[in-house]
Amino acid sequence: MKKKLIIILGVLVTIILVLGVKFYMDEKKLDEEMMEVVYSDEAKEVFEIRLKALDAKALTEEGIIHSYKIDKESIKHNPMGGINVTLNINNDSELNITYTINNFNGELSGGASSISEKLSKLLGRWEENK
């Protein structure tokens, strides 16, 4: 009886370990795929179109938005679908925009976005003085 219990416990521990490793590997693969998407040329195009919609002169000397950088730590799977990613604007972590990037029929598009208060005020002042 004791031998059967040890065998059953050994099998259960093995199953738990195998499932744990599989879950970890699946998560790692998903993270790598999300990184590839977010750092792709297609995503760069989506980001730049969206930035220019906020600031017509974005990514030029005349615009409010001069540059952006992807916050690597912010890249997460969105439970509703797509990938959440934050862009830091002008090398200032308080000036940021969080986007949901979606893949519809093989084409990337920007979904919902959230603009930091500091950036929103900066863009609002820019609009007032236009």
N, C-alpha and C. Protein backbone atom coordinates (compact mmCIF):
# COMPACT_ATOMS: atom_id res chain seq x y z
N MET A 1 0.83 -1.20 0.00
CA MET A 1 0.00 0.00 0.00
C MET A 1 0.87 1.26 0.00
N LYS A 2 1.93 1.24 0.79
CA LYS A 2 2.83 2.39 0.87
C LYS A 2 3.52 2.62 -0.47
N LYS A 3 3.88 1.54 -1.14
CA LYS A 3 4.55 1.64 -2.43
C LYS A 3 3.64 2.28 -3.47
N LYS A 4 2.34 1.91 -3.47
CA LYS A 4 1.37 2.49 -4.41
C LYS A 4 1.21 3.98 -4.17
N LEU A 5 1.16 4.38 -2.92
CA LEU A 5 1.02 5.79 -2.57
C LEU A 5 2.23 6.59 -3.06
N ILE A 6 3.42 6.06 -2.89
CA ILE A 6 4.65 6.73 -3.35
C ILE A 6 4.64 6.85 -4.87
N ILE A 7 4.21 5.81 -5.57
CA ILE A 7 4.15 5.83 -7.03
C ILE A 7 3.12 6.87 -7.49
N ILE A 8 1.96 6.90 -6.85
CA ILE A 8 0.91 7.86 -7.22
C ILE A 8 1.41 9.29 -6.99
N LEU A 9 2.05 9.54 -5.85
CA LEU A 9 2.60 10.87 -5.57
C LEU A 9 3.68 11.26 -6.58
N GLY A 10 4.51 10.30 -6.95
CA GLY A 10 5.55 10.55 -7.95
C GLY A 10 4.95 10.93 -9.29
N VAL A 11 3.90 10.20 -9.69
CA VAL A 11 3.23 10.49 -10.96
C VAL A 11 2.59 11.88 -10.91
N LEU A 12 1.92 12.22 -9.80
CA LEU A 12 1.29 13.54 -9.67
C LEU A 12 2.32 14.67 -9.71
N VAL A 13 3.43 14.50 -9.02
CA VAL A 13 4.48 15.52 -9.02
C VAL A 13 5.03 15.68 -10.43
N THR A 14 5.23 14.58 -11.14
CA THR A 14 5.74 14.64 -12.51
C THR A 14 4.76 15.37 -13.42
N ILE A 15 3.48 15.07 -13.30
CA ILE A 15 2.46 15.73 -14.11
C ILE A 15 2.43 17.24 -13.84
N ILE A 16 2.49 17.60 -12.56
CA ILE A 16 2.49 19.02 -12.20
C ILE A 16 3.71 19.73 -12.77
N LEU A 17 4.87 19.11 -12.69
CA LEU A 17 6.09 19.70 -13.24
C LEU A 17 6.00 19.86 -14.75
N VAL A 18 5.51 18.84 -15.43
CA VAL A 18 5.39 18.90 -16.89
C VAL A 18 4.42 20.01 -17.30
N LEU A 19 3.28 20.11 -16.61
CA LEU A 19 2.32 21.16 -16.92
C LEU A 19 2.89 22.54 -16.62
N GLY A 20 3.65 22.67 -15.54
CA GLY A 20 4.28 23.94 -15.19
C GLY A 20 5.27 24.38 -16.25
N VAL A 21 6.11 23.46 -16.71
CA VAL A 21 7.09 23.77 -17.75
C VAL A 21 6.38 24.14 -19.05
N LYS A 22 5.33 23.41 -19.40
CA LYS A 22 4.58 23.71 -20.63
C LYS A 22 3.95 25.11 -20.54
N PHE A 23 3.36 25.43 -19.41
CA PHE A 23 2.75 26.75 -19.23
C PHE A 23 3.80 27.84 -19.36
N TYR A 24 4.95 27.64 -18.73
CA TYR A 24 6.04 28.62 -18.80
C TYR A 24 6.51 28.81 -20.24
N MET A 25 6.69 27.72 -20.97
CA MET A 25 7.17 27.80 -22.35
C MET A 25 6.14 28.49 -23.25
N ASP A 26 4.86 28.20 -23.03
CA ASP A 26 3.81 28.86 -23.80
C ASP A 26 3.80 30.37 -23.55
N GLU A 27 3.94 30.76 -22.28
CA GLU A 27 3.99 32.18 -21.93
C GLU A 27 5.20 32.86 -22.57
N LYS A 28 6.34 32.19 -22.52
CA LYS A 28 7.57 32.75 -23.09
C LYS A 28 7.41 32.94 -24.60
N LYS A 29 6.82 31.96 -25.27
CA LYS A 29 6.60 32.05 -26.71
C LYS A 29 5.65 33.20 -27.04
N LEU A 30 4.58 33.35 -26.24
CA LEU A 30 3.63 34.44 -26.45
C LEU A 30 4.32 35.79 -26.26
N ASP A 31 5.16 35.90 -25.23
CA ASP A 31 5.90 37.15 -24.99
C ASP A 31 6.81 37.48 -26.17
N GLU A 32 7.51 36.49 -26.70
CA GLU A 32 8.39 36.70 -27.85
C GLU A 32 7.61 37.15 -29.08
N GLU A 33 6.45 36.53 -29.30
CA GLU A 33 5.61 36.90 -30.44
C GLU A 33 5.09 38.33 -30.30
N MET A 34 4.70 38.71 -29.07
CA MET A 34 4.22 40.08 -28.84
C MET A 34 5.34 41.08 -29.10
N MET A 35 6.56 40.77 -28.66
CA MET A 35 7.71 41.66 -28.90
C MET A 35 7.95 41.84 -30.39
N GLU A 36 7.88 40.75 -31.14
CA GLU A 36 8.08 40.83 -32.59
C GLU A 36 7.05 41.75 -33.23
N VAL A 37 5.81 41.63 -32.81
CA VAL A 37 4.74 42.45 -33.37
C VAL A 37 4.96 43.92 -33.02
N VAL A 38 5.20 44.21 -31.75
CA VAL A 38 5.32 45.59 -31.29
C VAL A 38 6.52 46.30 -31.91
N TYR A 39 7.62 45.57 -32.14
CA TYR A 39 8.82 46.18 -32.71
C TYR A 39 8.90 46.05 -34.24
N SER A 40 7.80 45.62 -34.86
CA SER A 40 7.80 45.45 -36.32
C SER A 40 7.64 46.79 -37.03
N ASP A 41 8.00 46.80 -38.31
CA ASP A 41 7.83 48.00 -39.14
C ASP A 41 6.35 48.37 -39.26
N GLU A 42 5.50 47.36 -39.32
CA GLU A 42 4.06 47.60 -39.44
C GLU A 42 3.53 48.30 -38.19
N ALA A 43 3.99 47.89 -37.01
CA ALA A 43 3.57 48.55 -35.77
C ALA A 43 4.11 49.98 -35.72
N LYS A 44 5.35 50.17 -36.17
CA LYS A 44 5.94 51.51 -36.20
C LYS A 44 5.07 52.44 -37.05
N GLU A 45 4.60 51.94 -38.17
CA GLU A 45 3.73 52.73 -39.05
C GLU A 45 2.42 53.09 -38.34
N VAL A 46 1.84 52.11 -37.64
CA VAL A 46 0.60 52.36 -36.90
C VAL A 46 0.83 53.42 -35.82
N PHE A 47 1.93 53.28 -35.06
CA PHE A 47 2.22 54.26 -34.01
C PHE A 47 2.37 55.66 -34.59
N GLU A 48 3.11 55.77 -35.67
CA GLU A 48 3.38 57.09 -36.24
C GLU A 48 2.12 57.73 -36.83
N ILE A 49 1.25 56.93 -37.42
CA ILE A 49 -0.04 57.46 -37.91
C ILE A 49 -0.86 57.98 -36.75
N ARG A 50 -0.91 57.21 -35.66
CA ARG A 50 -1.68 57.62 -34.49
C ARG A 50 -1.09 58.86 -33.83
N LEU A 51 0.24 58.96 -33.77
CA LEU A 51 0.88 60.14 -33.19
C LEU A 51 0.60 61.38 -34.03
N LYS A 52 0.63 61.22 -35.34
CA LYS A 52 0.35 62.35 -36.22
C LYS A 52 -1.12 62.76 -36.18
N ALA A 53 -1.99 61.85 -35.78
CA ALA A 53 -3.40 62.21 -35.59
C ALA A 53 -3.56 63.10 -34.35
N LEU A 54 -2.70 62.91 -33.36
CA LEU A 54 -2.72 63.74 -32.16
C LEU A 54 -2.02 65.08 -32.37
N ASP A 55 -0.94 65.03 -33.13
CA ASP A 55 -0.10 66.20 -33.36
C ASP A 55 0.28 66.18 -34.84
N ALA A 56 -0.34 67.04 -35.62
CA ALA A 56 -0.14 67.02 -37.07
C ALA A 56 1.34 67.15 -37.45
N LYS A 57 2.12 67.81 -36.61
CA LYS A 57 3.54 67.99 -36.90
C LYS A 57 4.42 67.07 -36.07
N ALA A 58 3.83 65.96 -35.60
CA ALA A 58 4.57 65.00 -34.78
C ALA A 58 5.81 64.50 -35.50
N LEU A 59 6.84 64.24 -34.73
CA LEU A 59 8.11 63.67 -35.20
C LEU A 59 8.88 64.65 -36.09
N THR A 60 8.55 65.95 -35.95
CA THR A 60 9.31 67.02 -36.61
C THR A 60 9.71 68.02 -35.54
N GLU A 61 10.58 68.94 -35.88
CA GLU A 61 11.01 69.98 -34.94
C GLU A 61 9.85 70.90 -34.53
N GLU A 62 8.89 71.07 -35.42
CA GLU A 62 7.79 71.99 -35.17
C GLU A 62 6.69 71.40 -34.29
N GLY A 63 6.67 70.09 -34.15
CA GLY A 63 5.61 69.43 -33.39
C GLY A 63 5.88 69.40 -31.90
N ILE A 64 4.86 69.02 -31.16
CA ILE A 64 4.98 68.80 -29.71
C ILE A 64 5.66 67.45 -29.48
N ILE A 65 5.27 66.47 -30.27
CA ILE A 65 5.83 65.12 -30.15
C ILE A 65 7.04 65.03 -31.08
N HIS A 66 8.23 65.01 -30.49
CA HIS A 66 9.46 64.94 -31.28
C HIS A 66 9.93 63.50 -31.50
N SER A 67 9.73 62.66 -30.49
CA SER A 67 10.19 61.28 -30.58
C SER A 67 9.33 60.40 -29.67
N TYR A 68 9.46 59.12 -29.86
CA TYR A 68 8.79 58.17 -28.98
C TYR A 68 9.67 56.94 -28.81
N LYS A 69 9.45 56.27 -27.70
CA LYS A 69 10.18 55.03 -27.43
C LYS A 69 9.21 54.05 -26.79
N ILE A 70 9.27 52.82 -27.24
CA ILE A 70 8.40 51.77 -26.69
C ILE A 70 8.91 51.39 -25.31
N ASP A 71 8.01 51.38 -24.34
CA ASP A 71 8.33 50.93 -22.99
C ASP A 71 8.22 49.40 -22.99
N LYS A 72 9.36 48.74 -23.07
CA LYS A 72 9.40 47.29 -23.20
C LYS A 72 8.66 46.58 -22.07
N GLU A 73 8.74 47.15 -20.87
CA GLU A 73 8.09 46.53 -19.70
C GLU A 73 6.56 46.62 -19.76
N SER A 74 6.05 47.49 -20.60
CA SER A 74 4.60 47.69 -20.67
C SER A 74 3.90 46.71 -21.61
N ILE A 75 4.65 46.00 -22.40
CA ILE A 75 4.05 45.11 -23.41
C ILE A 75 3.37 43.92 -22.73
N LYS A 76 2.06 43.88 -22.86
CA LYS A 76 1.27 42.83 -22.21
C LYS A 76 0.14 42.40 -23.14
N HIS A 77 -0.28 41.17 -22.96
CA HIS A 77 -1.45 40.65 -23.69
C HIS A 77 -2.70 41.29 -23.10
N ASN A 78 -3.56 41.81 -23.95
CA ASN A 78 -4.82 42.39 -23.50
C ASN A 78 -5.85 41.27 -23.42
N PRO A 79 -6.50 41.10 -22.29
CA PRO A 79 -7.47 40.01 -22.15
C PRO A 79 -8.63 40.09 -23.14
N MET A 80 -8.88 41.29 -23.67
CA MET A 80 -9.95 41.45 -24.66
C MET A 80 -9.44 41.23 -26.08
N GLY A 81 -8.16 40.93 -26.20
CA GLY A 81 -7.56 40.71 -27.51
C GLY A 81 -6.57 41.81 -27.82
N GLY A 82 -5.55 41.47 -28.55
CA GLY A 82 -4.54 42.44 -28.91
C GLY A 82 -3.41 42.53 -27.89
N ILE A 83 -2.62 43.58 -28.03
CA ILE A 83 -1.45 43.79 -27.18
C ILE A 83 -1.47 45.21 -26.66
N ASN A 84 -1.31 45.37 -25.36
CA ASN A 84 -1.18 46.69 -24.77
C ASN A 84 0.29 47.10 -24.79
N VAL A 85 0.55 48.34 -25.18
CA VAL A 85 1.92 48.85 -25.22
C VAL A 85 1.89 50.34 -24.91
N THR A 86 2.90 50.79 -24.17
CA THR A 86 3.02 52.21 -23.83
C THR A 86 4.18 52.82 -24.58
N LEU A 87 3.94 54.00 -25.15
CA LEU A 87 4.98 54.77 -25.82
C LEU A 87 5.33 55.96 -24.94
N ASN A 88 6.61 56.10 -24.61
CA ASN A 88 7.08 57.27 -23.89
C ASN A 88 7.46 58.33 -24.92
N ILE A 89 6.95 59.51 -24.73
CA ILE A 89 7.13 60.60 -25.69
C ILE A 89 8.27 61.51 -25.23
N ASN A 90 9.11 61.91 -26.17
CA ASN A 90 10.20 62.86 -25.93
C ASN A 90 11.08 62.45 -24.74
N ASN A 91 11.31 61.17 -24.57
CA ASN A 91 12.15 60.64 -23.48
C ASN A 91 11.67 61.07 -22.10
N ASP A 92 10.37 61.24 -21.93
CA ASP A 92 9.79 61.63 -20.65
C ASP A 92 8.73 60.59 -20.30
N SER A 93 8.94 59.85 -19.22
CA SER A 93 8.01 58.79 -18.85
C SER A 93 6.65 59.34 -18.41
N GLU A 94 6.57 60.63 -18.09
CA GLU A 94 5.28 61.22 -17.72
C GLU A 94 4.49 61.65 -18.95
N LEU A 95 5.15 61.71 -20.09
CA LEU A 95 4.47 61.98 -21.36
C LEU A 95 4.34 60.63 -22.06
N ASN A 96 3.17 60.01 -21.94
CA ASN A 96 3.04 58.69 -22.55
C ASN A 96 1.64 58.45 -23.09
N ILE A 97 1.61 57.49 -23.98
CA ILE A 97 0.35 57.04 -24.58
C ILE A 97 0.36 55.52 -24.52
N THR A 98 -0.73 54.95 -24.05
CA THR A 98 -0.88 53.50 -24.02
C THR A 98 -1.88 53.11 -25.10
N TYR A 99 -1.45 52.21 -25.97
CA TYR A 99 -2.29 51.73 -27.08
C TYR A 99 -2.59 50.25 -26.92
N THR A 100 -3.68 49.86 -27.54
CA THR A 100 -3.95 48.45 -27.77
C THR A 100 -3.76 48.23 -29.26
N ILE A 101 -2.82 47.37 -29.60
CA ILE A 101 -2.55 47.03 -31.00
C ILE A 101 -3.33 45.75 -31.32
N ASN A 102 -4.10 45.78 -32.38
CA ASN A 102 -4.90 44.62 -32.77
C ASN A 102 -4.50 44.13 -34.15
N ASN A 103 -4.74 42.87 -34.39
CA ASN A 103 -4.48 42.28 -35.69
C ASN A 103 -5.82 41.83 -36.27
N PHE A 104 -6.30 42.60 -37.26
CA PHE A 104 -7.55 42.25 -37.92
C PHE A 104 -7.25 41.77 -39.33
N ASN A 105 -7.60 40.53 -39.61
CA ASN A 105 -7.39 39.94 -40.93
C ASN A 105 -5.95 40.10 -41.41
N GLY A 106 -5.00 39.90 -40.51
CA GLY A 106 -3.59 39.96 -40.88
C GLY A 106 -3.02 41.36 -40.98
N GLU A 107 -3.79 42.38 -40.59
CA GLU A 107 -3.31 43.75 -40.67
C GLU A 107 -3.37 44.39 -39.28
N LEU A 108 -2.27 45.02 -38.86
CA LEU A 108 -2.22 45.67 -37.56
C LEU A 108 -2.98 46.99 -37.59
N SER A 109 -3.63 47.28 -36.49
CA SER A 109 -4.29 48.57 -36.34
C SER A 109 -4.25 48.98 -34.88
N GLY A 110 -4.33 50.26 -34.65
CA GLY A 110 -4.35 50.78 -33.29
C GLY A 110 -5.77 50.76 -32.77
N GLY A 111 -5.93 50.22 -31.58
CA GLY A 111 -7.25 50.19 -30.96
C GLY A 111 -7.39 51.32 -29.97
N ALA A 112 -7.86 51.00 -28.80
CA ALA A 112 -8.06 52.00 -27.75
C ALA A 112 -6.74 52.63 -27.35
N SER A 113 -6.82 53.86 -26.87
CA SER A 113 -5.61 54.53 -26.40
C SER A 113 -5.92 55.33 -25.14
N SER A 114 -4.88 55.57 -24.37
CA SER A 114 -4.98 56.36 -23.16
C SER A 114 -3.79 57.30 -23.13
N ILE A 115 -4.05 58.58 -22.99
CA ILE A 115 -2.99 59.59 -23.02
C ILE A 115 -2.78 60.11 -21.60
N SER A 116 -1.53 60.20 -21.18
CA SER A 116 -1.23 60.70 -19.84
C SER A 116 -1.73 62.12 -19.69
N GLU A 117 -2.01 62.50 -18.47
CA GLU A 117 -2.54 63.84 -18.21
C GLU A 117 -1.55 64.92 -18.66
N LYS A 118 -0.28 64.71 -18.37
CA LYS A 118 0.73 65.70 -18.74
C LYS A 118 0.80 65.91 -20.26
N LEU A 119 0.76 64.81 -21.01
CA LEU A 119 0.79 64.93 -22.46
C LEU A 119 -0.50 65.54 -22.98
N SER A 120 -1.61 65.16 -22.40
CA SER A 120 -2.90 65.70 -22.82
C SER A 120 -2.93 67.22 -22.64
N LYS A 121 -2.43 67.70 -21.51
CA LYS A 121 -2.38 69.15 -21.27
C LYS A 121 -1.44 69.83 -22.26
N LEU A 122 -0.31 69.19 -22.51
CA LEU A 122 0.66 69.76 -23.45
C LEU A 122 0.06 69.87 -24.85
N LEU A 123 -0.61 68.84 -25.27
CA LEU A 123 -1.25 68.87 -26.59
C LEU A 123 -2.41 69.85 -26.62
N GLY A 124 -3.12 70.01 -25.50
CA GLY A 124 -4.23 70.95 -25.43
C GLY A 124 -3.76 72.38 -25.53
N ARG A 125 -2.65 72.71 -24.87
CA ARG A 125 -2.07 74.06 -24.97
C ARG A 125 -1.62 74.33 -26.39
N TRP A 126 -1.07 73.30 -27.03
CA TRP A 126 -0.62 73.45 -28.41
C TRP A 126 -1.81 73.79 -29.31
N GLU A 127 -2.93 73.13 -29.09
CA GLU A 127 -4.14 73.38 -29.88
C GLU A 127 -4.65 74.80 -29.66
N GLU A 128 -4.59 75.29 -28.41
CA GLU A 128 -5.10 76.63 -28.09
C GLU A 128 -4.28 77.73 -28.79
N ASN A 129 -2.98 77.53 -28.91
CA ASN A 129 -2.11 78.54 -29.49
C ASN A 129 -2.00 78.43 -31.00
N LYS A 130 -2.63 77.49 -31.59
CA LYS A 130 -2.53 77.23 -33.03
C LYS A 130 -3.04 78.37 -33.85
